[in-house]
mmCIF file of all heavy atoms, coordinates in Angstrom:
data_MODEL
# 
_entry.id   MODEL 
# 
loop_
_atom_site.group_PDB 
_atom_site.id 
_atom_site.type_symbol 
_atom_site.label_atom_id 
_atom_site.label_alt_id 
_atom_site.label_comp_id 
_atom_site.label_asym_id 
_atom_site.label_entity_id 
_atom_site.label_seq_id 
_atom_site.pdbx_PDB_ins_code 
_atom_site.Cartn_x 
_atom_site.Cartn_y 
_atom_site.Cartn_z 
_atom_site.occupancy 
_atom_site.B_iso_or_equiv 
_atom_site.pdbx_formal_charge 
_atom_site.auth_seq_id 
_atom_site.auth_comp_id 
_atom_site.auth_asym_id 
_atom_site.auth_atom_id 
_atom_site.pdbx_PDB_model_num 
ATOM 1   N N   . PHE A 1 1  ? 101.685 73.190  98.729  1.00 0.00 ? 1  PHE A N   1 
ATOM 2   C CA  . PHE A 1 1  ? 102.461 72.290  99.578  1.00 0.00 ? 1  PHE A CA  1 
ATOM 3   C C   . PHE A 1 1  ? 103.837 72.908  99.824  1.00 0.00 ? 1  PHE A C   1 
ATOM 4   O O   . PHE A 1 1  ? 104.206 73.915  99.197  1.00 0.00 ? 1  PHE A O   1 
ATOM 5   C CB  . PHE A 1 1  ? 102.606 70.909  98.922  1.00 0.00 ? 1  PHE A CB  1 
ATOM 6   C CG  . PHE A 1 1  ? 103.234 70.943  97.553  1.00 0.00 ? 1  PHE A CG  1 
ATOM 7   C CD1 . PHE A 1 1  ? 104.606 70.742  97.390  1.00 0.00 ? 1  PHE A CD1 1 
ATOM 8   C CD2 . PHE A 1 1  ? 102.459 71.172  96.411  1.00 0.00 ? 1  PHE A CD2 1 
ATOM 9   C CE1 . PHE A 1 1  ? 105.190 70.775  96.131  1.00 0.00 ? 1  PHE A CE1 1 
ATOM 10  C CE2 . PHE A 1 1  ? 103.038 71.196  95.146  1.00 0.00 ? 1  PHE A CE2 1 
ATOM 11  C CZ  . PHE A 1 1  ? 104.394 70.999  95.011  1.00 0.00 ? 1  PHE A CZ  1 
ATOM 12  N N   . THR A 1 2  ? 104.578 72.301  100.729 1.00 0.00 ? 2  THR A N   1 
ATOM 13  C CA  . THR A 1 2  ? 105.953 72.711  100.985 1.00 0.00 ? 2  THR A CA  1 
ATOM 14  C C   . THR A 1 2  ? 106.880 71.766  100.239 1.00 0.00 ? 2  THR A C   1 
ATOM 15  O O   . THR A 1 2  ? 106.799 70.542  100.410 1.00 0.00 ? 2  THR A O   1 
ATOM 16  C CB  . THR A 1 2  ? 106.261 72.667  102.493 1.00 0.00 ? 2  THR A CB  1 
ATOM 17  O OG1 . THR A 1 2  ? 105.354 73.527  103.177 1.00 0.00 ? 2  THR A OG1 1 
ATOM 18  C CG2 . THR A 1 2  ? 107.690 73.114  102.775 1.00 0.00 ? 2  THR A CG2 1 
ATOM 19  N N   . ASP A 1 3  ? 107.741 72.315  99.391  1.00 0.00 ? 3  ASP A N   1 
ATOM 20  C CA  . ASP A 1 3  ? 108.609 71.455  98.592  1.00 0.00 ? 3  ASP A CA  1 
ATOM 21  C C   . ASP A 1 3  ? 109.814 70.995  99.409  1.00 0.00 ? 3  ASP A C   1 
ATOM 22  O O   . ASP A 1 3  ? 109.959 71.349  100.596 1.00 0.00 ? 3  ASP A O   1 
ATOM 23  C CB  . ASP A 1 3  ? 109.011 72.140  97.284  1.00 0.00 ? 3  ASP A CB  1 
ATOM 24  C CG  . ASP A 1 3  ? 109.990 73.290  97.482  1.00 0.00 ? 3  ASP A CG  1 
ATOM 25  O OD1 . ASP A 1 3  ? 110.504 73.486  98.602  1.00 0.00 ? 3  ASP A OD1 1 
ATOM 26  O OD2 . ASP A 1 3  ? 110.263 74.011  96.494  1.00 0.00 ? 3  ASP A OD2 1 
ATOM 27  N N   . GLN A 1 4  ? 110.689 70.209  98.792  1.00 0.00 ? 4  GLN A N   1 
ATOM 28  C CA  . GLN A 1 4  ? 111.810 69.624  99.525  1.00 0.00 ? 4  GLN A CA  1 
ATOM 29  C C   . GLN A 1 4  ? 112.847 70.650  99.957  1.00 0.00 ? 4  GLN A C   1 
ATOM 30  O O   . GLN A 1 4  ? 113.691 70.369  100.807 1.00 0.00 ? 4  GLN A O   1 
ATOM 31  C CB  . GLN A 1 4  ? 112.461 68.531  98.671  1.00 0.00 ? 4  GLN A CB  1 
ATOM 32  C CG  . GLN A 1 4  ? 111.528 67.351  98.438  1.00 0.00 ? 4  GLN A CG  1 
ATOM 33  C CD  . GLN A 1 4  ? 112.198 66.230  97.653  1.00 0.00 ? 4  GLN A CD  1 
ATOM 34  O OE1 . GLN A 1 4  ? 113.402 66.031  97.748  1.00 0.00 ? 4  GLN A OE1 1 
ATOM 35  N NE2 . GLN A 1 4  ? 111.408 65.489  96.896  1.00 0.00 ? 4  GLN A NE2 1 
ATOM 36  N N   . GLY A 1 5  ? 112.751 71.845  99.377  1.00 0.00 ? 5  GLY A N   1 
ATOM 37  C CA  . GLY A 1 5  ? 113.639 72.920  99.813  1.00 0.00 ? 5  GLY A CA  1 
ATOM 38  C C   . GLY A 1 5  ? 113.020 73.798  100.881 1.00 0.00 ? 5  GLY A C   1 
ATOM 39  O O   . GLY A 1 5  ? 113.602 74.832  101.245 1.00 0.00 ? 5  GLY A O   1 
ATOM 40  N N   . GLY A 1 6  ? 111.826 73.395  101.368 1.00 0.00 ? 6  GLY A N   1 
ATOM 41  C CA  . GLY A 1 6  ? 111.171 74.160  102.420 1.00 0.00 ? 6  GLY A CA  1 
ATOM 42  C C   . GLY A 1 6  ? 110.404 75.363  101.928 1.00 0.00 ? 6  GLY A C   1 
ATOM 43  O O   . GLY A 1 6  ? 109.977 76.204  102.728 1.00 0.00 ? 6  GLY A O   1 
ATOM 44  N N   . ARG A 1 7  ? 110.205 75.478  100.617 1.00 0.00 ? 7  ARG A N   1 
ATOM 45  C CA  . ARG A 1 7  ? 109.472 76.607  100.053 1.00 0.00 ? 7  ARG A CA  1 
ATOM 46  C C   . ARG A 1 7  ? 107.985 76.273  99.974  1.00 0.00 ? 7  ARG A C   1 
ATOM 47  O O   . ARG A 1 7  ? 107.613 75.165  99.558  1.00 0.00 ? 7  ARG A O   1 
ATOM 48  C CB  . ARG A 1 7  ? 109.998 76.941  98.655  1.00 0.00 ? 7  ARG A CB  1 
ATOM 49  C CG  . ARG A 1 7  ? 111.424 77.481  98.630  1.00 0.00 ? 7  ARG A CG  1 
ATOM 50  C CD  . ARG A 1 7  ? 111.964 77.541  97.206  1.00 0.00 ? 7  ARG A CD  1 
ATOM 51  N NE  . ARG A 1 7  ? 112.233 76.185  96.726  1.00 0.00 ? 7  ARG A NE  1 
ATOM 52  C CZ  . ARG A 1 7  ? 113.437 75.618  96.756  1.00 0.00 ? 7  ARG A CZ  1 
ATOM 53  N NH1 . ARG A 1 7  ? 114.469 76.278  97.234  1.00 0.00 ? 7  ARG A NH1 1 
ATOM 54  N NH2 . ARG A 1 7  ? 113.613 74.389  96.290  1.00 0.00 ? 7  ARG A NH2 1 
ATOM 55  N N   . ASP A 1 8  ? 107.128 77.220  100.316 1.00 0.00 ? 8  ASP A N   1 
ATOM 56  C CA  . ASP A 1 8  ? 105.690 77.060  100.161 1.00 0.00 ? 8  ASP A CA  1 
ATOM 57  C C   . ASP A 1 8  ? 105.328 77.409  98.723  1.00 0.00 ? 8  ASP A C   1 
ATOM 58  O O   . ASP A 1 8  ? 105.514 78.561  98.288  1.00 0.00 ? 8  ASP A O   1 
ATOM 59  C CB  . ASP A 1 8  ? 104.933 77.968  101.135 1.00 0.00 ? 8  ASP A CB  1 
ATOM 60  C CG  . ASP A 1 8  ? 105.101 77.523  102.577 1.00 0.00 ? 8  ASP A CG  1 
ATOM 61  O OD1 . ASP A 1 8  ? 105.249 76.311  102.813 1.00 0.00 ? 8  ASP A OD1 1 
ATOM 62  O OD2 . ASP A 1 8  ? 105.103 78.404  103.468 1.00 0.00 ? 8  ASP A OD2 1 
ATOM 63  N N   . VAL A 1 9  ? 104.847 76.416  97.992  1.00 0.00 ? 9  VAL A N   1 
ATOM 64  C CA  . VAL A 1 9  ? 104.562 76.597  96.569  1.00 0.00 ? 9  VAL A CA  1 
ATOM 65  C C   . VAL A 1 9  ? 103.145 76.132  96.272  1.00 0.00 ? 9  VAL A C   1 
ATOM 66  O O   . VAL A 1 9  ? 102.520 75.427  97.064  1.00 0.00 ? 9  VAL A O   1 
ATOM 67  C CB  . VAL A 1 9  ? 105.570 75.835  95.688  1.00 0.00 ? 9  VAL A CB  1 
ATOM 68  C CG1 . VAL A 1 9  ? 106.980 76.372  95.885  1.00 0.00 ? 9  VAL A CG1 1 
ATOM 69  C CG2 . VAL A 1 9  ? 105.521 74.340  95.994  1.00 0.00 ? 9  VAL A CG2 1 
ATOM 70  N N   . ALA A 1 10 ? 102.635 76.546  95.115  1.00 0.00 ? 10 ALA A N   1 
ATOM 71  C CA  . ALA A 1 10 ? 101.285 76.161  94.703  1.00 0.00 ? 10 ALA A CA  1 
ATOM 72  C C   . ALA A 1 10 ? 101.247 75.953  93.199  1.00 0.00 ? 10 ALA A C   1 
ATOM 73  O O   . ALA A 1 10 ? 101.939 76.653  92.443  1.00 0.00 ? 10 ALA A O   1 
ATOM 74  C CB  . ALA A 1 10 ? 100.267 77.239  95.102  1.00 0.00 ? 10 ALA A CB  1 
ATOM 75  N N   . LEU A 1 11 ? 100.451 74.979  92.770  1.00 0.00 ? 11 LEU A N   1 
ATOM 76  C CA  . LEU A 1 11 ? 100.147 74.855  91.352  1.00 0.00 ? 11 LEU A CA  1 
ATOM 77  C C   . LEU A 1 11 ? 99.343  76.083  90.934  1.00 0.00 ? 11 LEU A C   1 
ATOM 78  O O   . LEU A 1 11 ? 98.423  76.505  91.637  1.00 0.00 ? 11 LEU A O   1 
ATOM 79  C CB  . LEU A 1 11 ? 99.339  73.585  91.086  1.00 0.00 ? 11 LEU A CB  1 
ATOM 80  C CG  . LEU A 1 11 ? 100.094 72.263  91.242  1.00 0.00 ? 11 LEU A CG  1 
ATOM 81  C CD1 . LEU A 1 11 ? 99.122  71.091  91.206  1.00 0.00 ? 11 LEU A CD1 1 
ATOM 82  C CD2 . LEU A 1 11 ? 101.128 72.111  90.132  1.00 0.00 ? 11 LEU A CD2 1 
ATOM 83  N N   . THR A 1 12 ? 99.689  76.671  89.815  1.00 0.00 ? 12 THR A N   1 
ATOM 84  C CA  . THR A 1 12 ? 99.106  77.959  89.433  1.00 0.00 ? 12 THR A CA  1 
ATOM 85  C C   . THR A 1 12 ? 97.602  77.838  89.173  1.00 0.00 ? 12 THR A C   1 
ATOM 86  O O   . THR A 1 12 ? 97.177  77.049  88.332  1.00 0.00 ? 12 THR A O   1 
ATOM 87  C CB  . THR A 1 12 ? 99.798  78.511  88.179  1.00 0.00 ? 12 THR A CB  1 
ATOM 88  O OG1 . THR A 1 12 ? 99.819  77.484  87.175  1.00 0.00 ? 12 THR A OG1 1 
ATOM 89  C CG2 . THR A 1 12 ? 101.212 78.934  88.476  1.00 0.00 ? 12 THR A CG2 1 
ATOM 90  N N   . PRO A 1 13 ? 96.774  78.645  89.874  1.00 0.00 ? 13 PRO A N   1 
ATOM 91  C CA  . PRO A 1 13 ? 95.334  78.608  89.665  1.00 0.00 ? 13 PRO A CA  1 
ATOM 92  C C   . PRO A 1 13 ? 94.870  79.530  88.550  1.00 0.00 ? 13 PRO A C   1 
ATOM 93  O O   . PRO A 1 13 ? 93.719  79.462  88.107  1.00 0.00 ? 13 PRO A O   1 
ATOM 94  C CB  . PRO A 1 13 ? 94.786  79.083  91.013  1.00 0.00 ? 13 PRO A CB  1 
ATOM 95  C CG  . PRO A 1 13 ? 95.827  80.036  91.508  1.00 0.00 ? 13 PRO A CG  1 
ATOM 96  C CD  . PRO A 1 13 ? 97.139  79.485  91.031  1.00 0.00 ? 13 PRO A CD  1 
ATOM 97  N N   . GLU A 1 14 ? 95.736  80.440  88.108  1.00 0.00 ? 14 GLU A N   1 
ATOM 98  C CA  . GLU A 1 14 ? 95.433  81.374  87.029  1.00 0.00 ? 14 GLU A CA  1 
ATOM 99  C C   . GLU A 1 14 ? 96.753  81.917  86.503  1.00 0.00 ? 14 GLU A C   1 
ATOM 100 O O   . GLU A 1 14 ? 97.807  81.727  87.126  1.00 0.00 ? 14 GLU A O   1 
ATOM 101 C CB  . GLU A 1 14 ? 94.541  82.517  87.522  1.00 0.00 ? 14 GLU A CB  1 
ATOM 102 C CG  . GLU A 1 14 ? 95.178  83.306  88.665  1.00 0.00 ? 14 GLU A CG  1 
ATOM 103 C CD  . GLU A 1 14 ? 94.388  84.536  89.027  1.00 0.00 ? 14 GLU A CD  1 
ATOM 104 O OE1 . GLU A 1 14 ? 93.919  85.228  88.105  1.00 0.00 ? 14 GLU A OE1 1 
ATOM 105 O OE2 . GLU A 1 14 ? 94.248  84.817  90.235  1.00 0.00 ? 14 GLU A OE2 1 
ATOM 106 N N   . LEU A 1 15 ? 96.697  82.619  85.369  1.00 0.00 ? 15 LEU A N   1 
ATOM 107 C CA  . LEU A 1 15 ? 97.945  83.092  84.766  1.00 0.00 ? 15 LEU A CA  1 
ATOM 108 C C   . LEU A 1 15 ? 98.269  84.541  85.111  1.00 0.00 ? 15 LEU A C   1 
ATOM 109 O O   . LEU A 1 15 ? 99.437  84.924  85.109  1.00 0.00 ? 15 LEU A O   1 
ATOM 110 C CB  . LEU A 1 15 ? 97.879  82.944  83.240  1.00 0.00 ? 15 LEU A CB  1 
ATOM 111 C CG  . LEU A 1 15 ? 99.215  83.189  82.516  1.00 0.00 ? 15 LEU A CG  1 
ATOM 112 C CD1 . LEU A 1 15 ? 100.207 82.085  82.849  1.00 0.00 ? 15 LEU A CD1 1 
ATOM 113 C CD2 . LEU A 1 15 ? 99.027  83.291  81.021  1.00 0.00 ? 15 LEU A CD2 1 
ATOM 114 N N   . THR A 1 16 ? 97.264  85.354  85.412  1.00 0.00 ? 16 THR A N   1 
ATOM 115 C CA  . THR A 1 16 ? 97.493  86.792  85.522  1.00 0.00 ? 16 THR A CA  1 
ATOM 116 C C   . THR A 1 16 ? 98.611  87.154  86.503  1.00 0.00 ? 16 THR A C   1 
ATOM 117 O O   . THR A 1 16 ? 99.486  87.959  86.157  1.00 0.00 ? 16 THR A O   1 
ATOM 118 C CB  . THR A 1 16 ? 96.191  87.518  85.892  1.00 0.00 ? 16 THR A CB  1 
ATOM 119 O OG1 . THR A 1 16 ? 95.185  87.150  84.955  1.00 0.00 ? 16 THR A OG1 1 
ATOM 120 C CG2 . THR A 1 16 ? 96.385  89.022  85.848  1.00 0.00 ? 16 THR A CG2 1 
ATOM 121 N N   . PRO A 1 17 ? 98.665  86.600  87.721  1.00 0.00 ? 17 PRO A N   1 
ATOM 122 C CA  . PRO A 1 17 ? 99.799  86.942  88.593  1.00 0.00 ? 17 PRO A CA  1 
ATOM 123 C C   . PRO A 1 17 ? 101.154 86.544  88.000  1.00 0.00 ? 17 PRO A C   1 
ATOM 124 O O   . PRO A 1 17 ? 102.146 87.257  88.181  1.00 0.00 ? 17 PRO A O   1 
ATOM 125 C CB  . PRO A 1 17 ? 99.500  86.155  89.877  1.00 0.00 ? 17 PRO A CB  1 
ATOM 126 C CG  . PRO A 1 17 ? 98.017  85.989  89.877  1.00 0.00 ? 17 PRO A CG  1 
ATOM 127 C CD  . PRO A 1 17 ? 97.671  85.776  88.429  1.00 0.00 ? 17 PRO A CD  1 
ATOM 128 N N   . THR A 1 18 ? 101.201 85.429  87.299  1.00 0.00 ? 18 THR A N   1 
ATOM 129 C CA  . THR A 1 18 ? 102.467 84.998  86.709  1.00 0.00 ? 18 THR A CA  1 
ATOM 130 C C   . THR A 1 18 ? 102.939 85.968  85.637  1.00 0.00 ? 18 THR A C   1 
ATOM 131 O O   . THR A 1 18 ? 104.117 86.355  85.607  1.00 0.00 ? 18 THR A O   1 
ATOM 132 C CB  . THR A 1 18 ? 102.326 83.581  86.124  1.00 0.00 ? 18 THR A CB  1 
ATOM 133 O OG1 . THR A 1 18 ? 102.102 82.650  87.182  1.00 0.00 ? 18 THR A OG1 1 
ATOM 134 C CG2 . THR A 1 18 ? 103.581 83.171  85.369  1.00 0.00 ? 18 THR A CG2 1 
ATOM 135 N N   . VAL A 1 19 ? 102.036 86.371  84.740  1.00 0.00 ? 19 VAL A N   1 
ATOM 136 C CA  . VAL A 1 19 ? 102.477 87.296  83.684  1.00 0.00 ? 19 VAL A CA  1 
ATOM 137 C C   . VAL A 1 19 ? 102.796 88.660  84.279  1.00 0.00 ? 19 VAL A C   1 
ATOM 138 O O   . VAL A 1 19 ? 103.688 89.366  83.778  1.00 0.00 ? 19 VAL A O   1 
ATOM 139 C CB  . VAL A 1 19 ? 101.457 87.400  82.537  1.00 0.00 ? 19 VAL A CB  1 
ATOM 140 C CG1 . VAL A 1 19 ? 101.403 86.106  81.755  1.00 0.00 ? 19 VAL A CG1 1 
ATOM 141 C CG2 . VAL A 1 19 ? 100.076 87.802  83.024  1.00 0.00 ? 19 VAL A CG2 1 
ATOM 142 N N   . ALA A 1 20 ? 102.115 89.035  85.363  1.00 0.00 ? 20 ALA A N   1 
ATOM 143 C CA  . ALA A 1 20 ? 102.480 90.276  86.042  1.00 0.00 ? 20 ALA A CA  1 
ATOM 144 C C   . ALA A 1 20 ? 103.905 90.189  86.566  1.00 0.00 ? 20 ALA A C   1 
ATOM 145 O O   . ALA A 1 20 ? 104.702 91.128  86.425  1.00 0.00 ? 20 ALA A O   1 
ATOM 146 C CB  . ALA A 1 20 ? 101.507 90.553  87.179  1.00 0.00 ? 20 ALA A CB  1 
ATOM 147 N N   . ARG A 1 21 ? 104.240 89.058  87.177  1.00 0.00 ? 21 ARG A N   1 
ATOM 148 C CA  . ARG A 1 21 ? 105.606 88.852  87.662  1.00 0.00 ? 21 ARG A CA  1 
ATOM 149 C C   . ARG A 1 21 ? 106.619 88.937  86.523  1.00 0.00 ? 21 ARG A C   1 
ATOM 150 O O   . ARG A 1 21 ? 107.692 89.543  86.666  1.00 0.00 ? 21 ARG A O   1 
ATOM 151 C CB  . ARG A 1 21 ? 105.702 87.486  88.356  1.00 0.00 ? 21 ARG A CB  1 
ATOM 152 C CG  . ARG A 1 21 ? 107.101 87.101  88.791  1.00 0.00 ? 21 ARG A CG  1 
ATOM 153 C CD  . ARG A 1 21 ? 107.162 85.727  89.423  1.00 0.00 ? 21 ARG A CD  1 
ATOM 154 N NE  . ARG A 1 21 ? 106.704 84.653  88.555  1.00 0.00 ? 21 ARG A NE  1 
ATOM 155 C CZ  . ARG A 1 21 ? 107.364 84.188  87.501  1.00 0.00 ? 21 ARG A CZ  1 
ATOM 156 N NH1 . ARG A 1 21 ? 108.524 84.732  87.145  1.00 0.00 ? 21 ARG A NH1 1 
ATOM 157 N NH2 . ARG A 1 21 ? 106.873 83.185  86.787  1.00 0.00 ? 21 ARG A NH2 1 
ATOM 158 N N   . MET A 1 22 ? 106.272 88.347  85.386  1.00 0.00 ? 22 MET A N   1 
ATOM 159 C CA  . MET A 1 22 ? 107.176 88.352  84.231  1.00 0.00 ? 22 MET A CA  1 
ATOM 160 C C   . MET A 1 22 ? 107.378 89.761  83.679  1.00 0.00 ? 22 MET A C   1 
ATOM 161 O O   . MET A 1 22 ? 108.500 90.140  83.309  1.00 0.00 ? 22 MET A O   1 
ATOM 162 C CB  . MET A 1 22 ? 106.637 87.423  83.146  1.00 0.00 ? 22 MET A CB  1 
ATOM 163 C CG  . MET A 1 22 ? 106.671 85.945  83.508  1.00 0.00 ? 22 MET A CG  1 
ATOM 164 S SD  . MET A 1 22 ? 105.831 84.900  82.283  1.00 0.00 ? 22 MET A SD  1 
ATOM 165 C CE  . MET A 1 22 ? 106.879 85.121  80.838  1.00 0.00 ? 22 MET A CE  1 
ATOM 166 N N   . VAL A 1 23 ? 106.300 90.536  83.631  1.00 0.00 ? 23 VAL A N   1 
ATOM 167 C CA  . VAL A 1 23 ? 106.422 91.912  83.140  1.00 0.00 ? 23 VAL A CA  1 
ATOM 168 C C   . VAL A 1 23 ? 107.290 92.739  84.088  1.00 0.00 ? 23 VAL A C   1 
ATOM 169 O O   . VAL A 1 23 ? 108.137 93.521  83.651  1.00 0.00 ? 23 VAL A O   1 
ATOM 170 C CB  . VAL A 1 23 ? 105.027 92.545  82.958  1.00 0.00 ? 23 VAL A CB  1 
ATOM 171 C CG1 . VAL A 1 23 ? 105.154 94.037  82.669  1.00 0.00 ? 23 VAL A CG1 1 
ATOM 172 C CG2 . VAL A 1 23 ? 104.276 91.855  81.820  1.00 0.00 ? 23 VAL A CG2 1 
ATOM 173 N N   . VAL A 1 24 ? 107.095 92.568  85.386  1.00 0.00 ? 24 VAL A N   1 
ATOM 174 C CA  . VAL A 1 24 ? 107.918 93.293  86.358  1.00 0.00 ? 24 VAL A CA  1 
ATOM 175 C C   . VAL A 1 24 ? 109.387 92.925  86.189  1.00 0.00 ? 24 VAL A C   1 
ATOM 176 O O   . VAL A 1 24 ? 110.278 93.789  86.239  1.00 0.00 ? 24 VAL A O   1 
ATOM 177 C CB  . VAL A 1 24 ? 107.443 93.002  87.795  1.00 0.00 ? 24 VAL A CB  1 
ATOM 178 C CG1 . VAL A 1 24 ? 108.431 93.559  88.813  1.00 0.00 ? 24 VAL A CG1 1 
ATOM 179 C CG2 . VAL A 1 24 ? 106.054 93.580  88.028  1.00 0.00 ? 24 VAL A CG2 1 
ATOM 180 N N   . ALA A 1 25 ? 109.674 91.652  85.951  1.00 0.00 ? 25 ALA A N   1 
ATOM 181 C CA  . ALA A 1 25 ? 111.062 91.186  85.864  1.00 0.00 ? 25 ALA A CA  1 
ATOM 182 C C   . ALA A 1 25 ? 111.802 91.793  84.688  1.00 0.00 ? 25 ALA A C   1 
ATOM 183 O O   . ALA A 1 25 ? 113.006 92.082  84.780  1.00 0.00 ? 25 ALA A O   1 
ATOM 184 C CB  . ALA A 1 25 ? 111.080 89.665  85.780  1.00 0.00 ? 25 ALA A CB  1 
ATOM 185 N N   . ARG A 1 26 ? 111.103 92.012  83.573  1.00 0.00 ? 26 ARG A N   1 
ATOM 186 C CA  . ARG A 1 26 ? 111.786 92.512  82.373  1.00 0.00 ? 26 ARG A CA  1 
ATOM 187 C C   . ARG A 1 26 ? 111.063 93.690  81.733  1.00 0.00 ? 26 ARG A C   1 
ATOM 188 O O   . ARG A 1 26 ? 111.235 93.948  80.536  1.00 0.00 ? 26 ARG A O   1 
ATOM 189 C CB  . ARG A 1 26 ? 111.944 91.394  81.348  1.00 0.00 ? 26 ARG A CB  1 
ATOM 190 C CG  . ARG A 1 26 ? 112.860 90.269  81.802  1.00 0.00 ? 26 ARG A CG  1 
ATOM 191 C CD  . ARG A 1 26 ? 113.246 89.389  80.651  1.00 0.00 ? 26 ARG A CD  1 
ATOM 192 N NE  . ARG A 1 26 ? 114.100 88.306  81.066  1.00 0.00 ? 26 ARG A NE  1 
ATOM 193 C CZ  . ARG A 1 26 ? 114.574 87.356  80.249  1.00 0.00 ? 26 ARG A CZ  1 
ATOM 194 N NH1 . ARG A 1 26 ? 114.245 87.384  78.961  1.00 0.00 ? 26 ARG A NH1 1 
ATOM 195 N NH2 . ARG A 1 26 ? 115.346 86.394  80.702  1.00 0.00 ? 26 ARG A NH2 1 
ATOM 196 N N   . GLY A 1 27 ? 110.288 94.394  82.526  1.00 0.00 ? 27 GLY A N   1 
ATOM 197 C CA  . GLY A 1 27 ? 109.450 95.455  81.976  1.00 0.00 ? 27 GLY A CA  1 
ATOM 198 C C   . GLY A 1 27 ? 110.201 96.510  81.197  1.00 0.00 ? 27 GLY A C   1 
ATOM 199 O O   . GLY A 1 27 ? 109.703 97.033  80.195  1.00 0.00 ? 27 GLY A O   1 
ATOM 200 N N   . GLN A 1 28 ? 111.406 96.853  81.648  1.00 0.00 ? 28 GLN A N   1 
ATOM 201 C CA  . GLN A 1 28 ? 112.165 97.901  80.971  1.00 0.00 ? 28 GLN A CA  1 
ATOM 202 C C   . GLN A 1 28 ? 112.749 97.428  79.642  1.00 0.00 ? 28 GLN A C   1 
ATOM 203 O O   . GLN A 1 28 ? 113.092 98.246  78.784  1.00 0.00 ? 28 GLN A O   1 
ATOM 204 C CB  . GLN A 1 28 ? 113.290 98.395  81.892  1.00 0.00 ? 28 GLN A CB  1 
ATOM 205 C CG  . GLN A 1 28 ? 112.802 98.969  83.219  1.00 0.00 ? 28 GLN A CG  1 
ATOM 206 C CD  . GLN A 1 28 ? 111.778 100.074 83.042  1.00 0.00 ? 28 GLN A CD  1 
ATOM 207 O OE1 . GLN A 1 28 ? 112.004 101.017 82.282  1.00 0.00 ? 28 GLN A OE1 1 
ATOM 208 N NE2 . GLN A 1 28 ? 110.647 99.959  83.725  1.00 0.00 ? 28 GLN A NE2 1 
# 
């Protein structure tokens, strides 16, 4: 759905993309 800030968001259907994002953010 589109949230009140106009962002297109989704309830997470799986974890793998999220943990990938987390590793990229602090990988070093």
